[in-house]
PDB file of N, CA and C in Angstrom:
ATOM      1  N   UNK A   1       0.818  -1.218   0.000  1.00  0.00           N
ATOM      2  CA  UNK A   1       0.000   0.000   0.000  1.00  0.00           C
ATOM      3  C   UNK A   1       0.853   1.271   0.000  1.00  0.00           C
ATOM      4  N   UNK A   2       2.153   1.139  -0.128  1.00  0.00           N
ATOM      5  CA  UNK A   2       3.008   2.318  -0.185  1.00  0.00           C
ATOM      6  C   UNK A   2       2.678   3.194  -1.385  1.00  0.00           C
ATOM      7  N   UNK A   3       2.227   2.564  -2.466  1.00  0.00           N
ATOM      8  CA  UNK A   3       1.893   3.337  -3.653  1.00  0.00           C
ATOM      9  C   UNK A   3       0.730   4.285  -3.387  1.00  0.00           C
ATOM     10  N   UNK A   4      -0.203   3.888  -2.496  1.00  0.00           N
ATOM     11  CA  UNK A   4      -1.324   4.776  -2.158  1.00  0.00           C
ATOM     12  C   UNK A   4      -0.834   6.010  -1.411  1.00  0.00           C
ATOM     13  N   UNK A   5       0.141   5.820  -0.547  1.00  0.00           N
ATOM     14  CA  UNK A   5       0.723   6.959   0.164  1.00  0.00           C
ATOM     15  C   UNK A   5       1.457   7.872  -0.810  1.00  0.00           C
ATOM     16  N   UNK A   6       2.134   7.277  -1.768  1.00  0.00           N
ATOM     17  CA  UNK A   6       2.846   8.067  -2.773  1.00  0.00           C
ATOM     18  C   UNK A   6       1.856   8.870  -3.620  1.00  0.00           C
ATOM     19  N   UNK A   7       0.745   8.245  -3.995  1.00  0.00           N
ATOM     20  CA  UNK A   7      -0.297   8.952  -4.750  1.00  0.00           C
ATOM     21  C   UNK A   7      -0.825  10.126  -3.932  1.00  0.00           C
ATOM     22  N   UNK A   8      -1.078   9.885  -2.664  1.00  0.00           N
ATOM     23  CA  UNK A   8      -1.572  10.946  -1.785  1.00  0.00           C
ATOM     24  C   UNK A   8      -0.561  12.092  -1.706  1.00  0.00           C
ATOM     25  N   UNK A   9       0.689  11.755  -1.567  1.00  0.00           N
ATOM     26  CA  UNK A   9       1.757  12.751  -1.499  1.00  0.00           C
ATOM     27  C   UNK A   9       1.828  13.567  -2.797  1.00  0.00           C
ATOM     28  N   UNK A  10       1.766  12.893  -3.919  1.00  0.00           N
ATOM     29  CA  UNK A  10       1.805  13.582  -5.215  1.00  0.00           C
ATOM     30  C   UNK A  10       0.592  14.481  -5.411  1.00  0.00           C
ATOM     31  N   UNK A  11      -0.560  14.018  -4.955  1.00  0.00           N
ATOM     32  CA  UNK A  11      -1.776  14.831  -5.072  1.00  0.00           C
ATOM     33  C   UNK A  11      -1.682  16.094  -4.224  1.00  0.00           C
ATOM     34  N   UNK A  12      -1.052  15.982  -3.074  1.00  0.00           N
ATOM     35  CA  UNK A  12      -0.848  17.172  -2.243  1.00  0.00           C
ATOM     36  C   UNK A  12       0.082  18.166  -2.940  1.00  0.00           C
ATOM     37  N   UNK A  13       1.083  17.652  -3.627  1.00  0.00           N
ATOM     38  CA  UNK A  13       1.992  18.522  -4.390  1.00  0.00           C
ATOM     39  C   UNK A  13       1.246  19.196  -5.538  1.00  0.00           C
ATOM     40  N   UNK A  14       0.337  18.472  -6.159  1.00  0.00           N
ATOM     41  CA  UNK A  14      -0.488  19.058  -7.219  1.00  0.00           C
ATOM     42  C   UNK A  14      -1.335  20.189  -6.655  1.00  0.00           C
ATOM     43  N   UNK A  15      -1.930  19.980  -5.492  1.00  0.00           N
ATOM     44  CA  UNK A  15      -2.741  21.023  -4.856  1.00  0.00           C
ATOM     45  C   UNK A  15      -1.908  22.268  -4.592  1.00  0.00           C
ATOM     46  N   UNK A  16      -0.692  22.080  -4.114  1.00  0.00           N
ATOM     47  CA  UNK A  16       0.185  23.222  -3.844  1.00  0.00           C
ATOM     48  C   UNK A  16       0.538  23.940  -5.138  1.00  0.00           C
ATOM     49  N   UNK A  17       0.790  23.183  -6.184  1.00  0.00           N
ATOM     50  CA  UNK A  17       1.082  23.770  -7.491  1.00  0.00           C
ATOM     51  C   UNK A  17      -0.129  24.536  -7.998  1.00  0.00           C
ATOM     52  N   UNK A  18      -1.316  23.956  -7.857  1.00  0.00           N
ATOM     53  CA  UNK A  18      -2.547  24.624  -8.282  1.00  0.00           C
ATOM     54  C   UNK A  18      -2.758  25.921  -7.511  1.00  0.00           C
ATOM     55  N   UNK A  19      -2.410  25.909  -6.236  1.00  0.00           N
ATOM     56  CA  UNK A  19      -2.546  27.112  -5.409  1.00  0.00           C
ATOM     57  C   UNK A  19      -1.669  28.232  -5.974  1.00  0.00           C
ATOM     58  N   UNK A  20      -0.466  27.889  -6.382  1.00  0.00           N
ATOM     59  CA  UNK A  20       0.449  28.875  -6.970  1.00  0.00           C
ATOM     60  C   UNK A  20      -0.101  29.392  -8.303  1.00  0.00           C
ATOM     61  N   UNK A  21      -0.635  28.482  -9.108  1.00  0.00           N
ATOM     62  CA  UNK A  21      -1.220  28.882 -10.396  1.00  0.00           C
ATOM     63  C   UNK A  21      -2.364  29.870 -10.167  1.00  0.00           C
ATOM     64  N   UNK A  22      -3.233  29.571  -9.222  1.00  0.00           N
ATOM     65  CA  UNK A  22      -4.382  30.440  -8.938  1.00  0.00           C
ATOM     66  C   UNK A  22      -3.921  31.792  -8.400  1.00  0.00           C
ATOM     67  N   UNK A  23      -2.925  31.783  -7.521  1.00  0.00           N
ATOM     68  CA  UNK A  23      -2.388  33.043  -6.989  1.00  0.00           C
ATOM     69  C   UNK A  23      -1.804  33.880  -8.123  1.00  0.00           C
ATOM     70  N   UNK A  24      -1.048  33.254  -9.017  1.00  0.00           N
ATOM     71  CA  UNK A  24      -0.463  33.973 -10.140  1.00  0.00           C
ATOM     72  C   UNK A  24      -1.535  34.480 -11.101  1.00  0.00           C
ATOM     73  N   UNK A  25      -2.580  33.700 -11.302  1.00  0.00           N
ATOM     74  CA  UNK A  25      -3.684  34.140 -12.153  1.00  0.00           C
ATOM     75  C   UNK A  25      -4.394  35.340 -11.529  1.00  0.00           C
ATOM     76  N   UNK A  26      -4.578  35.319 -10.221  1.00  0.00           N
ATOM     77  CA  UNK A  26      -5.193  36.457  -9.532  1.00  0.00           C
ATOM     78  C   UNK A  26      -4.335  37.706  -9.706  1.00  0.00           C
ATOM     79  N   UNK A  27      -3.017  37.549  -9.599  1.00  0.00           N
ATOM     80  CA  UNK A  27      -2.105  38.682  -9.816  1.00  0.00           C
ATOM     81  C   UNK A  27      -2.229  39.204 -11.246  1.00  0.00           C
ATOM     82  N   UNK A  28      -2.305  38.280 -12.197  1.00  0.00           N
ATOM     83  CA  UNK A  28      -2.433  38.659 -13.599  1.00  0.00           C
ATOM     84  C   UNK A  28      -3.721  39.447 -13.818  1.00  0.00           C
ATOM     85  N   UNK A  29      -4.818  38.980 -13.233  1.00  0.00           N
ATOM     86  CA  UNK A  29      -6.111  39.653 -13.403  1.00  0.00           C
ATOM     87  C   UNK A  29      -6.095  41.052 -12.793  1.00  0.00           C
ATOM     88  N   UNK A  30      -5.390  41.222 -11.686  1.00  0.00           N
ATOM     89  CA  UNK A  30      -5.258  42.559 -11.090  1.00  0.00           C
ATOM     90  C   UNK A  30      -4.499  43.494 -12.022  1.00  0.00           C
ATOM     91  N   UNK A  31      -3.453  42.976 -12.661  1.00  0.00           N
ATOM     92  CA  UNK A  31      -2.695  43.780 -13.619  1.00  0.00           C
ATOM     93  C   UNK A  31      -3.553  44.136 -14.830  1.00  0.00           C
ATOM     94  N   UNK A  32      -4.337  43.169 -15.286  1.00  0.00           N
ATOM     95  CA  UNK A  32      -5.242  43.399 -16.425  1.00  0.00           C
ATOM     96  C   UNK A  32      -6.246  44.498 -16.088  1.00  0.00           C
ATOM     97  N   UNK A  33      -6.765  44.446 -14.885  1.00  0.00           N
ATOM     98  CA  UNK A  33      -7.729  45.465 -14.457  1.00  0.00           C
ATOM     99  C   UNK A  33      -7.078  46.849 -14.483  1.00  0.00           C
ATOM    100  N   UNK A  34      -5.860  46.923 -14.004  1.00  0.00           N
ATOM    101  CA  UNK A  34      -5.134  48.193 -13.996  1.00  0.00           C
ATOM    102  C   UNK A  34      -4.891  48.696 -15.429  1.00  0.00           C
ATOM    103  N   UNK A  35      -4.510  47.786 -16.320  1.00  0.00           N
ATOM    104  CA  UNK A  35      -4.320  48.157 -17.727  1.00  0.00           C
ATOM    105  C   UNK A  35      -5.643  48.630 -18.318  1.00  0.00           C
ATOM    106  N   UNK A  36      -6.724  47.937 -17.993  1.00  0.00           N
ATOM    107  CA  UNK A  36      -8.040  48.333 -18.484  1.00  0.00           C
ATOM    108  C   UNK A  36      -8.419  49.740 -18.049  1.00  0.00           C
ATOM    109  N   UNK A  37      -8.103  50.077 -16.807  1.00  0.00           N
ATOM    110  CA  UNK A  37      -8.391  51.421 -16.313  1.00  0.00           C
ATOM    111  C   UNK A  37      -7.604  52.472 -17.094  1.00  0.00           C
ATOM    112  N   UNK A  38      -6.336  52.166 -17.385  1.00  0.00           N
ATOM    113  CA  UNK A  38      -5.507  53.092 -18.160  1.00  0.00           C
ATOM    114  C   UNK A  38      -6.021  53.223 -19.599  1.00  0.00           C
ATOM    115  N   UNK A  39      -6.430  52.101 -20.176  1.00  0.00           N
ATOM    116  CA  UNK A  39      -6.968  52.141 -21.531  1.00  0.00           C
ATOM    117  C   UNK A  39      -8.248  52.983 -21.578  1.00  0.00           C
ATOM    118  N   UNK A  40      -9.106  52.825 -20.600  1.00  0.00           N
ATOM    119  CA  UNK A  40     -10.350  53.604 -20.542  1.00  0.00           C
ATOM    120  C   UNK A  40     -10.024  55.081 -20.378  1.00  0.00           C
ATOM    121  N   UNK A  41      -9.114  55.371 -19.473  1.00  0.00           N
ATOM    122  CA  UNK A  41      -8.734  56.757 -19.194  1.00  0.00           C
ATOM    123  C   UNK A  41      -8.172  57.446 -20.445  1.00  0.00           C
ATOM    124  N   UNK A  42      -7.491  56.690 -21.284  1.00  0.00           N
ATOM    125  CA  UNK A  42      -6.841  57.272 -22.464  1.00  0.00           C
ATOM    126  C   UNK A  42      -7.537  56.899 -23.778  1.00  0.00           C
ATOM    127  N   UNK A  43      -8.785  56.429 -23.646  1.00  0.00           N
ATOM    128  CA  UNK A  43      -9.621  56.091 -24.806  1.00  0.00           C
ATOM    129  C   UNK A  43      -8.947  55.109 -25.772  1.00  0.00           C
ATOM    130  N   UNK A  44      -8.316  54.097 -25.236  1.00  0.00           N
ATOM    131  CA  UNK A  44      -7.694  53.050 -26.045  1.00  0.00           C
ATOM    132  C   UNK A  44      -8.640  51.856 -26.144  1.00  0.00           C
ATOM    133  N   UNK A  45      -8.554  51.124 -27.251  1.00  0.00           N
ATOM    134  CA  UNK A  45      -9.360  49.921 -27.428  1.00  0.00           C
ATOM    135  C   UNK A  45      -8.947  48.888 -26.382  1.00  0.00           C
ATOM    136  N   UNK A  46      -9.902  48.264 -25.768  1.00  0.00           N
ATOM    137  CA  UNK A  46      -9.594  47.278 -24.726  1.00  0.00           C
ATOM    138  C   UNK A  46      -9.114  45.953 -25.312  1.00  0.00           C
ATOM    139  N   UNK A  47      -9.343  45.706 -26.595  1.00  0.00           N
ATOM    140  CA  UNK A  47      -8.885  44.483 -27.253  1.00  0.00           C
ATOM    141  C   UNK A  47      -7.578  44.797 -27.980  1.00  0.00           C
ATOM    142  N   UNK A  48      -6.554  43.987 -27.713  1.00  0.00           N
ATOM    143  CA  UNK A  48      -5.254  44.167 -28.367  1.00  0.00           C
ATOM    144  C   UNK A  48      -4.847  42.825 -28.977  1.00  0.00           C
ATOM    145  N   UNK A  49      -5.336  42.583 -30.186  1.00  0.00           N
ATOM    146  CA  UNK A  49      -5.104  41.307 -30.863  1.00  0.00           C
ATOM    147  C   UNK A  49      -3.610  41.078 -31.100  1.00  0.00           C
ATOM    148  N   UNK A  50      -2.878  42.138 -31.411  1.00  0.00           N
ATOM    149  CA  UNK A  50      -1.432  42.015 -31.634  1.00  0.00           C
ATOM    150  C   UNK A  50      -0.749  41.493 -30.374  1.00  0.00           C
ATOM    151  N   UNK A  51      -1.127  42.021 -29.242  1.00  0.00           N
ATOM    152  CA  UNK A  51      -0.549  41.570 -27.963  1.00  0.00           C
ATOM    153  C   UNK A  51      -0.909  40.111 -27.701  1.00  0.00           C
ATOM    154  N   UNK A  52      -2.146  39.745 -27.960  1.00  0.00           N
ATOM    155  CA  UNK A  52      -2.568  38.359 -27.741  1.00  0.00           C
ATOM    156  C   UNK A  52      -1.779  37.403 -28.628  1.00  0.00           C
ATOM    157  N   UNK A  53      -1.562  37.773 -29.891  1.00  0.00           N
ATOM    158  CA  UNK A  53      -0.771  36.930 -30.792  1.00  0.00           C
ATOM    159  C   UNK A  53       0.670  36.817 -30.303  1.00  0.00           C
ATOM    160  N   UNK A  54       1.222  37.936 -29.844  1.00  0.00           N
ATOM    161  CA  UNK A  54       2.573  37.917 -29.291  1.00  0.00           C
ATOM    162  C   UNK A  54       2.655  36.949 -28.109  1.00  0.00           C
ATOM    163  N   UNK A  55       1.673  37.030 -27.220  1.00  0.00           N
ATOM    164  CA  UNK A  55       1.674  36.158 -26.042  1.00  0.00           C
ATOM    165  C   UNK A  55       1.550  34.684 -26.421  1.00  0.00           C
ATOM    166  N   UNK A  56       0.721  34.383 -27.408  1.00  0.00           N
ATOM    167  CA  UNK A  56       0.573  32.991 -27.859  1.00  0.00           C
ATOM    168  C   UNK A  56       1.923  32.462 -28.336  1.00  0.00           C
ATOM    169  N   UNK A  57       2.641  33.258 -29.124  1.00  0.00           N
ATOM    170  CA  UNK A  57       3.974  32.838 -29.583  1.00  0.00           C
ATOM    171  C   UNK A  57       4.935  32.685 -28.408  1.00  0.00           C
ATOM    172  N   UNK A  58       4.852  33.605 -27.475  1.00  0.00           N
ATOM    173  CA  UNK A  58       5.673  33.553 -26.260  1.00  0.00           C
ATOM    174  C   UNK A  58       5.394  32.267 -25.480  1.00  0.00           C
ATOM    175  N   UNK A  59       4.118  31.949 -25.329  1.00  0.00           N
ATOM    176  CA  UNK A  59       3.732  30.731 -24.605  1.00  0.00           C
ATOM    177  C   UNK A  59       4.198  29.477 -25.331  1.00  0.00           C
ATOM    178  N   UNK A  60       4.115  29.488 -26.657  1.00  0.00           N
ATOM    179  CA  UNK A  60       4.581  28.332 -27.428  1.00  0.00           C
ATOM    180  C   UNK A  60       6.062  28.074 -27.176  1.00  0.00           C
ATOM    181  N   UNK A  61       6.849  29.140 -27.142  1.00  0.00           N
ATOM    182  CA  UNK A  61       8.277  28.992 -26.863  1.00  0.00           C
ATOM    183  C   UNK A  61       8.523  28.406 -25.472  1.00  0.00           C
ATOM    184  N   UNK A  62       7.777  28.880 -24.505  1.00  0.00           N
ATOM    185  CA  UNK A  62       7.926  28.360 -23.144  1.00  0.00           C
ATOM    186  C   UNK A  62       7.517  26.889 -23.096  1.00  0.00           C
ATOM    187  N   UNK A  63       6.464  26.550 -23.813  1.00  0.00           N
ATOM    188  CA  UNK A  63       6.016  25.150 -23.860  1.00  0.00           C
ATOM    189  C   UNK A  63       7.116  24.246 -24.415  1.00  0.00           C
ATOM    190  N   UNK A  64       7.785  24.713 -25.458  1.00  0.00           N
ATOM    191  CA  UNK A  64       8.886  23.924 -26.027  1.00  0.00           C
ATOM    192  C   UNK A  64       9.985  23.710 -24.989  1.00  0.00           C
ATOM    193  N   UNK A  65      10.299  24.756 -24.245  1.00  0.00           N
ATOM    194  CA  UNK A  65      11.352  24.670 -23.227  1.00  0.00           C
ATOM    195  C   UNK A  65      11.008  23.639 -22.148  1.00  0.00           C
ATOM    196  N   UNK A  66       9.724  23.555 -21.831  1.00  0.00           N
ATOM    197  CA  UNK A  66       9.290  22.664 -20.747  1.00  0.00           C
ATOM    198  C   UNK A  66       8.664  21.372 -21.253  1.00  0.00           C
ATOM    199  N   UNK A  67       8.685  21.202 -22.554  1.00  0.00           N
ATOM    200  CA  UNK A  67       8.178  19.990 -23.194  1.00  0.00           C
ATOM    201  C   UNK A  67       6.741  19.660 -22.779  1.00  0.00           C
ATOM    202  N   UNK A  68       5.887  20.686 -22.888  1.00  0.00           N
ATOM    203  CA  UNK A  68       4.464  20.454 -22.631  1.00  0.00           C
ATOM    204  C   UNK A  68       3.673  20.875 -23.864  1.00  0.00           C
ATOM    205  N   UNK A  69       2.454  20.439 -23.916  1.00  0.00           N
ATOM    206  CA  UNK A  69       1.595  20.675 -25.069  1.00  0.00           C
ATOM    207  C   UNK A  69       1.263  22.156 -25.237  1.00  0.00           C
ATOM    208  N   UNK A  70       1.669  22.716 -26.361  1.00  0.00           N
ATOM    209  CA  UNK A  70       1.305  24.101 -26.662  1.00  0.00           C
ATOM    210  C   UNK A  70      -0.203  24.207 -26.859  1.00  0.00           C
ATOM    211  N   UNK A  71      -0.814  23.154 -27.373  1.00  0.00           N
ATOM    212  CA  UNK A  71      -2.260  23.149 -27.597  1.00  0.00           C
ATOM    213  C   UNK A  71      -3.009  23.409 -26.288  1.00  0.00           C
ATOM    214  N   UNK A  72      -2.577  22.767 -25.235  1.00  0.00           N
ATOM    215  CA  UNK A  72      -3.205  22.962 -23.921  1.00  0.00           C
ATOM    216  C   UNK A  72      -3.082  24.413 -23.477  1.00  0.00           C
ATOM    217  N   UNK A  73      -1.895  24.960 -23.589  1.00  0.00           N
ATOM    218  CA  UNK A  73      -1.657  26.323 -23.121  1.00  0.00           C
ATOM    219  C   UNK A  73      -2.410  27.338 -23.982  1.00  0.00           C
ATOM    220  N   UNK A  74      -2.470  27.099 -25.278  1.00  0.00           N
ATOM    221  CA  UNK A  74      -3.220  28.001 -26.160  1.00  0.00           C
ATOM    222  C   UNK A  74      -4.701  27.981 -25.799  1.00  0.00           C
ATOM    223  N   UNK A  75      -5.217  26.799 -25.540  1.00  0.00           N
ATOM    224  CA  UNK A  75      -6.622  26.673 -25.149  1.00  0.00           C
ATOM    225  C   UNK A  75      -6.894  27.425 -23.840  1.00  0.00           C
ATOM    226  N   UNK A  76      -6.024  27.249 -22.868  1.00  0.00           N
ATOM    227  CA  UNK A  76      -6.166  27.962 -21.593  1.00  0.00           C
ATOM    228  C   UNK A  76      -6.042  29.469 -21.800  1.00  0.00           C
ATOM    229  N   UNK A  77      -5.105  29.858 -22.643  1.00  0.00           N
ATOM    230  CA  UNK A  77      -4.878  31.280 -22.903  1.00  0.00           C
ATOM    231  C   UNK A  77      -6.117  31.936 -23.483  1.00  0.00           C
ATOM    232  N   UNK A  78      -6.771  31.259 -24.396  1.00  0.00           N
ATOM    233  CA  UNK A  78      -7.979  31.822 -25.006  1.00  0.00           C
ATOM    234  C   UNK A  78      -9.059  32.074 -23.962  1.00  0.00           C
ATOM    235  N   UNK A  79      -9.184  31.175 -23.013  1.00  0.00           N
ATOM    236  CA  UNK A  79     -10.153  31.362 -21.924  1.00  0.00           C
ATOM    237  C   UNK A  79      -9.739  32.555 -21.063  1.00  0.00           C
ATOM    238  N   UNK A  80      -8.463  32.632 -20.759  1.00  0.00           N
ATOM    239  CA  UNK A  80      -7.961  33.744 -19.943  1.00  0.00           C
ATOM    240  C   UNK A  80      -8.141  35.065 -20.683  1.00  0.00           C
ATOM    241  N   UNK A  81      -7.784  35.096 -21.973  1.00  0.00           N
ATOM    242  CA  UNK A  81      -7.939  36.333 -22.752  1.00  0.00           C
ATOM    243  C   UNK A  81      -9.398  36.777 -22.778  1.00  0.00           C
ATOM    244  N   UNK A  82     -10.307  35.832 -22.964  1.00  0.00           N
ATOM    245  CA  UNK A  82     -11.741  36.155 -22.998  1.00  0.00           C
ATOM    246  C   UNK A  82     -12.170  36.806 -21.689  1.00  0.00           C
ATOM    247  N   UNK A  83     -11.729  36.235 -20.588  1.00  0.00           N
ATOM    248  CA  UNK A  83     -12.082  36.788 -19.279  1.00  0.00           C
ATOM    249  C   UNK A  83     -11.439  38.167 -19.079  1.00  0.00           C
ATOM    250  N   UNK A  84     -10.199  38.306 -19.525  1.00  0.00           N
ATOM    251  CA  UNK A  84      -9.500  39.581 -19.380  1.00  0.00           C
ATOM    252  C   UNK A  84     -10.178  40.680 -20.178  1.00  0.00           C
ATOM    253  N   UNK A  85     -10.694  40.335 -21.340  1.00  0.00           N
ATOM    254  CA  UNK A  85     -11.433  41.313 -22.137  1.00  0.00           C
ATOM    255  C   UNK A  85     -12.650  41.825 -21.367  1.00  0.00           C
ATOM    256  N   UNK A  86     -13.318  40.910 -20.675  1.00  0.00           N
ATOM    257  CA  UNK A  86     -14.490  41.307 -19.878  1.00  0.00           C
ATOM    258  C   UNK A  86     -14.079  42.268 -18.772  1.00  0.00           C
ATOM    259  N   UNK A  87     -12.922  42.002 -18.173  1.00  0.00           N
ATOM    260  CA  UNK A  87     -12.433  42.866 -17.088  1.00  0.00           C
ATOM    261  C   UNK A  87     -12.087  44.255 -17.634  1.00  0.00           C
ATOM    262  N   UNK A  88     -11.470  44.293 -18.815  1.00  0.00           N
ATOM    263  CA  UNK A  88     -11.014  45.564 -19.373  1.00  0.00           C
ATOM    264  C   UNK A  88     -12.111  46.355 -20.080  1.00  0.00           C
ATOM    265  N   UNK A  89     -13.145  45.671 -20.509  1.00  0.00           N
ATOM    266  CA  UNK A  89     -14.191  46.336 -21.301  1.00  0.00           C
ATOM    267  C   UNK A  89     -14.852  47.450 -20.487  1.00  0.00           C
ATOM    268  N   UNK A  90     -14.881  48.648 -21.064  1.00  0.00           N
ATOM    269  CA  UNK A  90     -15.535  49.751 -20.352  1.00  0.00           C
ATOM    270  C   UNK A  90     -17.021  49.455 -20.157  1.00  0.00           C
ATOM    271  N   UNK A  91     -17.560  49.884 -19.041  1.00  0.00           N
ATOM    272  CA  UNK A  91     -18.976  49.649 -18.754  1.00  0.00           C
ATOM    273  C   UNK A  91     -19.808  50.869 -19.029  1.00  0.00           C
TER     274      UNK A  91
END
């Protein structure tokens, strides 16, 4: 039954990793909100497709470095970008 303890240990490490991901995402969303406020203040478009494309390429490079699926990260990025647009969109 040692393998069950190892699984439990690994799952706890996953939880800690997820906690860091969520904390970093919260930080990112706060920065997005701040950028949105500046864009509104200066009458800039809240959607920046060029920036999003740049980030996708940036993420692909990081994925190669860490040997993980770029498809996964691109899919996650699209969800994050969609949410960020909502945060930045003037009301």
